[in-house]
Amino acid sequence: MSETDGWTLATIAGLTVVTVLARSLFFLSSRDWALPHWAQRGLQYAPIAALAAVIAPEIVMVQGGLIDTWRDARLFAAAAGAAYFFWSRGAGQAVLGTIVVGMTVYLPLHVGLGW
């Protein structure tokens, strides 16, 4: 096992201090913190933006490059899932239904046809 040098330990300690301070600033104040209206509105879109940033590359990319064929099960599964979601108009079980429909399309194409 290699010996840890002083710079590495200092970096870890510095990052620890910065993280603890950044996360505890909200507790140090005696008054409530309120976000501006524009920040609250922007945070409403954060979950969908994060989800799109994670899922979109998984659908359209293979090993760092765009897919070059339409015979990819992920494309058809994503289209079927999106169609179901919009057809159900975002009802209560829409998310579970979207996953079920997408996987119902994906598995036969991927496992059965090898797409």
Protein backbone atom coordinates (compact mmCIF):
# COMPACT_ATOMS: atom_id res chain seq x y z
CA MET A 1 0.00 0.00 0.00
CA SER A 2 1.39 3.41 -0.90
CA GLU A 3 1.98 6.14 1.61
CA THR A 4 -0.40 9.13 1.47
CA ASP A 5 1.45 12.41 1.07
CA GLY A 6 0.74 15.68 2.86
CA TRP A 7 -0.91 17.39 -0.13
CA THR A 8 -3.50 14.65 -0.42
CA LEU A 9 -4.34 14.86 3.29
CA ALA A 10 -4.50 18.68 3.12
CA THR A 11 -6.82 18.49 0.10
CA ILE A 12 -9.13 16.03 1.86
CA ALA A 13 -9.18 18.18 5.00
CA GLY A 14 -9.84 21.35 2.99
CA LEU A 15 -12.68 19.78 1.04
CA THR A 16 -14.15 18.48 4.28
CA VAL A 17 -14.10 21.97 5.85
CA VAL A 18 -15.67 23.57 2.76
CA THR A 19 -18.40 20.92 2.62
CA VAL A 20 -19.26 21.20 6.32
CA LEU A 21 -19.38 25.00 6.15
CA ALA A 22 -21.50 25.07 3.01
CA ARG A 23 -24.01 22.62 4.44
CA SER A 24 -24.19 24.19 7.91
CA LEU A 25 -24.66 27.85 6.90
CA PHE A 26 -28.42 27.37 6.88
CA PHE A 27 -28.35 26.24 10.52
CA LEU A 28 -26.19 29.12 11.74
CA SER A 29 -28.76 31.81 10.94
CA SER A 30 -31.48 32.63 13.48
CA ARG A 31 -34.00 33.67 10.82
CA ASP A 32 -35.72 31.63 8.12
CA TRP A 33 -34.20 31.54 4.67
CA ALA A 34 -36.46 32.19 1.71
CA LEU A 35 -35.50 31.60 -1.88
CA PRO A 36 -36.46 34.25 -4.41
CA HIS A 37 -39.51 33.44 -6.54
CA TRP A 38 -37.39 32.90 -9.68
CA ALA A 39 -35.23 30.33 -7.84
CA GLN A 40 -38.27 28.47 -6.49
CA ARG A 41 -39.76 28.37 -9.98
CA GLY A 42 -36.49 27.12 -11.46
CA LEU A 43 -36.21 24.35 -8.89
CA GLN A 44 -39.57 22.99 -10.01
CA TYR A 45 -37.90 21.94 -13.28
CA ALA A 46 -34.73 20.52 -11.73
CA PRO A 47 -35.96 16.91 -11.32
CA ILE A 48 -37.19 16.61 -14.91
CA ALA A 49 -34.01 18.25 -16.23
CA ALA A 50 -31.83 15.86 -14.22
CA LEU A 51 -33.86 12.88 -15.38
CA ALA A 52 -33.60 13.98 -19.01
CA ALA A 53 -29.85 14.51 -18.64
CA VAL A 54 -29.44 10.94 -17.39
CA ILE A 55 -31.92 9.13 -19.64
CA ALA A 56 -31.48 10.86 -23.02
CA PRO A 57 -27.84 9.79 -23.51
CA GLU A 58 -28.76 6.21 -22.56
CA ILE A 59 -31.38 6.14 -25.30
CA VAL A 60 -29.45 7.69 -28.19
CA MET A 61 -25.80 6.78 -27.50
CA VAL A 62 -23.67 3.64 -27.55
CA GLN A 63 -20.13 3.72 -26.13
CA GLY A 64 -19.88 7.51 -26.37
CA GLY A 65 -21.25 7.88 -29.90
CA LEU A 66 -24.68 8.37 -31.38
CA ILE A 67 -26.44 5.24 -32.53
CA ASP A 68 -26.25 4.73 -36.28
CA THR A 69 -29.22 2.44 -36.86
CA TRP A 70 -32.96 2.59 -36.29
CA ARG A 71 -32.86 -1.08 -35.20
CA ASP A 72 -32.26 -0.26 -31.56
CA ALA A 73 -34.75 -1.53 -28.99
CA ARG A 74 -34.23 1.51 -26.79
CA LEU A 75 -35.67 3.85 -29.43
CA PHE A 76 -38.88 1.86 -29.78
CA ALA A 77 -39.20 1.37 -26.01
CA ALA A 78 -38.75 5.09 -25.35
CA ALA A 79 -41.29 5.97 -28.05
CA ALA A 80 -43.83 3.48 -26.67
CA GLY A 81 -43.29 4.70 -23.10
CA ALA A 82 -43.65 8.34 -24.13
CA ALA A 83 -46.78 7.54 -26.13
CA TYR A 84 -48.32 5.77 -23.14
CA PHE A 85 -47.44 8.64 -20.81
CA PHE A 86 -49.02 11.25 -23.07
CA TRP A 87 -52.01 9.01 -23.76
CA SER A 88 -52.64 8.59 -20.03
CA ARG A 89 -52.19 12.36 -19.57
CA GLY A 90 -49.94 11.96 -16.56
CA ALA A 91 -52.57 10.20 -14.44
CA GLY A 92 -51.68 8.68 -11.07
CA GLN A 93 -50.23 5.41 -12.39
CA ALA A 94 -48.65 6.97 -15.50
CA VAL A 95 -45.05 6.54 -14.34
CA LEU A 96 -45.44 2.86 -13.51
CA GLY A 97 -47.39 2.30 -16.72
CA THR A 98 -44.70 4.09 -18.73
CA ILE A 99 -42.04 1.78 -17.31
CA VAL A 100 -44.14 -1.33 -17.90
CA VAL A 101 -44.99 -0.38 -21.49
CA GLY A 102 -41.39 0.59 -22.26
CA MET A 103 -40.02 -2.67 -20.89
CA THR A 104 -42.75 -4.68 -22.62
CA VAL A 105 -41.52 -3.27 -25.94
CA TYR A 106 -37.81 -3.34 -25.06
CA LEU A 107 -37.39 -6.91 -23.83
CA PRO A 108 -38.77 -8.79 -26.87
CA LEU A 109 -36.82 -6.57 -29.25
CA HIS A 110 -33.57 -6.77 -27.30
CA VAL A 111 -33.67 -10.37 -26.12
CA GLY A 112 -35.75 -11.91 -28.91
CA LEU A 113 -34.38 -10.08 -31.95
CA GLY A 114 -31.01 -9.07 -30.54
CA TRP A 115 -31.47 -5.37 -31.24
